[in-house]
C-alpha cells in the first residue's frame, strides 16, 4: 500500500496527514500523539475516526498540524483521518457520516468591528 495523504481543517487549524499500512503509531509534529495531545478527551478526538472504522491498529499516521488551539488541531486531525479512511475504503463512509466525522465544521471566530470592544460587545455606557 502506498501513502495516502489528506488534509482537515477546523477554525484556523490545518492538519495534513500521511497514512500508511502499519501497526497503529500516530505521530503529530514529530511527537507521539499522547505527548502532543496530553488529555484523554483530545486523544479520543484524534482516534475517534479510527475507532468508528474499526481500524485502530492497521495504519501508521504521520501528522503535520499548525494554527489554532489544541482542540481545533485535534478536530482537524480527526477530519483528515476520516477523509483518508474513506479514500482507502468507501464502505466506512456511512458509519463515519452517522457520527458526524465527515463534515467540516466551518464555524470561525467573528471578526472584531470598529468602535466595539469585541465582535459584538459594546463599550460600557454611563450617563454621568
C-alpha atoms as a PDB file:
ATOM      1  CA  UNK A   1       0.000   0.000   0.000  1.00  0.00           C
ATOM      2  CA  UNK A   2       1.271   3.455  -0.821  1.00  0.00           C
ATOM      3  CA  UNK A   3       0.902   6.562   1.298  1.00  0.00           C
ATOM      4  CA  UNK A   4      -2.468   8.296   1.386  1.00  0.00           C
ATOM      5  CA  UNK A   5      -2.365  11.976   2.255  1.00  0.00           C
ATOM      6  CA  UNK A   6      -5.339  14.197   3.072  1.00  0.00           C
ATOM      7  CA  UNK A   7      -5.971  17.393   4.961  1.00  0.00           C
ATOM      8  CA  UNK A   8      -8.505  18.502   7.538  1.00  0.00           C
ATOM      9  CA  UNK A   9      -9.398  21.933   8.870  1.00  0.00           C
ATOM     10  CA  UNK A  10     -11.161  23.343  11.925  1.00  0.00           C
ATOM     11  CA  UNK A  11     -11.285  27.037  12.864  1.00  0.00           C
ATOM     12  CA  UNK A  12      -7.783  28.207  11.897  1.00  0.00           C
ATOM     13  CA  UNK A  13      -6.084  24.820  12.387  1.00  0.00           C
ATOM     14  CA  UNK A  14      -4.902  22.867   9.348  1.00  0.00           C
ATOM     15  CA  UNK A  15      -3.818  19.222   9.597  1.00  0.00           C
ATOM     16  CA  UNK A  16      -2.055  17.303   6.833  1.00  0.00           C
ATOM     17  CA  UNK A  17      -1.793  13.556   7.376  1.00  0.00           C
ATOM     18  CA  UNK A  18       0.150  10.774   5.690  1.00  0.00           C
ATOM     19  CA  UNK A  19      -1.487   7.376   6.262  1.00  0.00           C
ATOM     20  CA  UNK A  20       0.414   4.147   5.554  1.00  0.00           C
ATOM     21  CA  UNK A  21      -0.083   0.500   6.457  1.00  0.00           C
ATOM     22  CA  UNK A  22       1.422  -0.220   9.845  1.00  0.00           C
ATOM     23  CA  UNK A  23       0.645  -1.083  13.432  1.00  0.00           C
ATOM     24  CA  UNK A  24      -1.133   1.952  14.875  1.00  0.00           C
ATOM     25  CA  UNK A  25       1.560   4.558  15.501  1.00  0.00           C
ATOM     26  CA  UNK A  26       0.296   8.154  15.357  1.00  0.00           C
ATOM     27  CA  UNK A  27       2.938  10.895  15.210  1.00  0.00           C
ATOM     28  CA  UNK A  28       1.947  14.575  15.427  1.00  0.00           C
ATOM     29  CA  UNK A  29       4.613  17.159  14.541  1.00  0.00           C
ATOM     30  CA  UNK A  30       7.379  14.671  15.362  1.00  0.00           C
ATOM     31  CA  UNK A  31       5.922  13.622  18.740  1.00  0.00           C
ATOM     32  CA  UNK A  32       3.666  10.762  19.784  1.00  0.00           C
ATOM     33  CA  UNK A  33       0.033  11.916  19.769  1.00  0.00           C
ATOM     34  CA  UNK A  34      -0.303  11.146  23.502  1.00  0.00           C
ATOM     35  CA  UNK A  35       2.507  13.609  24.215  1.00  0.00           C
ATOM     36  CA  UNK A  36       1.230  16.286  21.797  1.00  0.00           C
ATOM     37  CA  UNK A  37      -2.393  15.948  22.998  1.00  0.00           C
ATOM     38  CA  UNK A  38      -1.922  15.196  26.724  1.00  0.00           C
ATOM     39  CA  UNK A  39      -5.563  14.996  27.847  1.00  0.00           C
ATOM     40  CA  UNK A  40      -7.777  11.969  27.297  1.00  0.00           C
ATOM     41  CA  UNK A  41     -10.634  13.848  25.560  1.00  0.00           C
ATOM     42  CA  UNK A  42      -8.212  15.199  22.941  1.00  0.00           C
ATOM     43  CA  UNK A  43      -6.668  11.753  22.453  1.00  0.00           C
ATOM     44  CA  UNK A  44     -10.153  10.311  21.960  1.00  0.00           C
ATOM     45  CA  UNK A  45     -10.986  13.001  19.380  1.00  0.00           C
ATOM     46  CA  UNK A  46      -7.844  12.130  17.400  1.00  0.00           C
ATOM     47  CA  UNK A  47      -8.557   8.372  17.376  1.00  0.00           C
ATOM     48  CA  UNK A  48     -12.360   8.603  17.014  1.00  0.00           C
ATOM     49  CA  UNK A  49     -12.381   8.095  13.230  1.00  0.00           C
ATOM     50  CA  UNK A  50     -10.170   5.025  13.555  1.00  0.00           C
ATOM     51  CA  UNK A  51     -12.377   3.584  16.304  1.00  0.00           C
ATOM     52  CA  UNK A  52     -15.566   4.033  14.251  1.00  0.00           C
ATOM     53  CA  UNK A  53     -13.911   2.416  11.205  1.00  0.00           C
ATOM     54  CA  UNK A  54     -12.508  -0.366  13.443  1.00  0.00           C
ATOM     55  CA  UNK A  55      -9.000   0.052  12.044  1.00  0.00           C
ATOM     56  CA  UNK A  56      -7.055   1.459  15.008  1.00  0.00           C
ATOM     57  CA  UNK A  57      -4.066  -0.896  14.716  1.00  0.00           C
ATOM     58  CA  UNK A  58      -3.954  -1.147  10.912  1.00  0.00           C
ATOM     59  CA  UNK A  59      -2.322   2.166   9.964  1.00  0.00           C
ATOM     60  CA  UNK A  60       0.628   4.366  10.845  1.00  0.00           C
ATOM     61  CA  UNK A  61      -0.236   8.057  10.669  1.00  0.00           C
ATOM     62  CA  UNK A  62       2.188  10.965  10.401  1.00  0.00           C
ATOM     63  CA  UNK A  63       0.520  14.342  11.040  1.00  0.00           C
ATOM     64  CA  UNK A  64       1.664  17.900  10.402  1.00  0.00           C
ATOM     65  CA  UNK A  65      -0.677  20.345  12.122  1.00  0.00           C
ATOM     66  CA  UNK A  66      -0.440  24.103  12.542  1.00  0.00           C
ATOM     67  CA  UNK A  67      -2.566  27.040  13.589  1.00  0.00           C
ATOM     68  CA  UNK A  68      -5.424  27.322  16.052  1.00  0.00           C
ATOM     69  CA  UNK A  69      -5.568  25.845  19.528  1.00  0.00           C
ATOM     70  CA  UNK A  70      -5.191  22.272  20.699  1.00  0.00           C
ATOM     71  CA  UNK A  71      -8.886  21.391  20.396  1.00  0.00           C
ATOM     72  CA  UNK A  72      -9.153  22.814  16.884  1.00  0.00           C
ATOM     73  CA  UNK A  73      -5.988  20.945  15.931  1.00  0.00           C
ATOM     74  CA  UNK A  74      -7.354  17.659  17.330  1.00  0.00           C
ATOM     75  CA  UNK A  75     -10.603  18.076  15.399  1.00  0.00           C
ATOM     76  CA  UNK A  76      -8.692  18.931  12.210  1.00  0.00           C
ATOM     77  CA  UNK A  77      -6.668  15.720  12.613  1.00  0.00           C
ATOM     78  CA  UNK A  78      -9.895  13.748  13.165  1.00  0.00           C
ATOM     79  CA  UNK A  79     -11.401  15.063   9.903  1.00  0.00           C
ATOM     80  CA  UNK A  80      -8.218  14.352   7.939  1.00  0.00           C
ATOM     81  CA  UNK A  81      -8.065  10.760   9.219  1.00  0.00           C
ATOM     82  CA  UNK A  82     -11.731  10.210   8.350  1.00  0.00           C
ATOM     83  CA  UNK A  83     -11.173  11.509   4.808  1.00  0.00           C
ATOM     84  CA  UNK A  84      -8.145   9.221   4.359  1.00  0.00           C
ATOM     85  CA  UNK A  85     -10.066   6.170   5.608  1.00  0.00           C
ATOM     86  CA  UNK A  86     -12.887   6.852   3.141  1.00  0.00           C
ATOM     87  CA  UNK A  87     -10.358   7.264   0.338  1.00  0.00           C
ATOM     88  CA  UNK A  88      -8.970   3.797   1.129  1.00  0.00           C
ATOM     89  CA  UNK A  89     -12.280   2.055   1.881  1.00  0.00           C
ATOM     90  CA  UNK A  90     -15.506   3.811   0.766  1.00  0.00           C
ATOM     91  CA  UNK A  91     -17.615   1.284   2.708  1.00  0.00           C
ATOM     92  CA  UNK A  92     -16.828   3.014   6.033  1.00  0.00           C
ATOM     93  CA  UNK A  93     -18.250   6.364   4.887  1.00  0.00           C
ATOM     94  CA  UNK A  94     -21.849   5.764   6.131  1.00  0.00           C
ATOM     95  CA  UNK A  95     -20.600   4.864   9.622  1.00  0.00           C
ATOM     96  CA  UNK A  96     -18.332   7.915   9.767  1.00  0.00           C
ATOM     97  CA  UNK A  97     -21.053  10.200   8.415  1.00  0.00           C
ATOM     98  CA  UNK A  98     -23.542   8.888  11.016  1.00  0.00           C
ATOM     99  CA  UNK A  99     -21.160  10.018  13.770  1.00  0.00           C
ATOM    100  CA  UNK A 100     -20.663  13.413  12.079  1.00  0.00           C
ATOM    101  CA  UNK A 101     -16.983  12.830  11.339  1.00  0.00           C
ATOM    102  CA  UNK A 102     -17.119  13.563   7.596  1.00  0.00           C
ATOM    103  CA  UNK A 103     -18.445  17.120   7.874  1.00  0.00           C
ATOM    104  CA  UNK A 104     -16.068  20.065   8.157  1.00  0.00           C
ATOM    105  CA  UNK A 105     -17.221  22.322  10.979  1.00  0.00           C
ATOM    106  CA  UNK A 106     -16.970  25.738   9.311  1.00  0.00           C
ATOM    107  CA  UNK A 107     -17.664  27.905  12.355  1.00  0.00           C
ATOM    108  CA  UNK A 108     -14.995  30.569  12.746  1.00  0.00           C
ATOM    109  CA  UNK A 109     -14.397  33.392  15.205  1.00  0.00           C
ATOM    110  CA  UNK A 110     -16.282  36.532  14.190  1.00  0.00           C
ATOM    111  CA  UNK A 111     -14.011  39.485  13.489  1.00  0.00           C
ATOM    112  CA  UNK A 112     -13.790  42.499  15.771  1.00  0.00           C
ATOM    113  CA  UNK A 113     -15.750  45.508  14.476  1.00  0.00           C
ATOM    114  CA  UNK A 114     -14.504  49.104  14.733  1.00  0.00           C
ATOM    115  CA  UNK A 115     -15.966  51.105  17.609  1.00  0.00           C
ATOM    116  CA  UNK A 116     -16.657  47.957  19.644  1.00  0.00           C
ATOM    117  CA  UNK A 117     -14.737  46.218  22.386  1.00  0.00           C
ATOM    118  CA  UNK A 118     -15.095  42.783  20.754  1.00  0.00           C
ATOM    119  CA  UNK A 119     -17.090  41.495  17.780  1.00  0.00           C
ATOM    120  CA  UNK A 120     -20.448  42.460  19.270  1.00  0.00           C
ATOM    121  CA  UNK A 121     -19.661  43.705  22.780  1.00  0.00           C
ATOM    122  CA  UNK A 122     -20.039  47.462  23.155  1.00  0.00           C
ATOM    123  CA  UNK A 123     -18.128  49.727  25.477  1.00  0.00           C
ATOM    124  CA  UNK A 124     -19.821  50.434  28.794  1.00  0.00           C
ATOM    125  CA  UNK A 125     -22.085  53.470  28.703  1.00  0.00           C
ATOM    126  CA  UNK A 126     -22.787  55.702  31.641  1.00  0.00           C
ATOM    127  CA  UNK A 127     -24.887  58.902  31.686  1.00  0.00           C
ATOM    128  CA  UNK A 128     -22.873  60.824  34.240  1.00  0.00           C
END
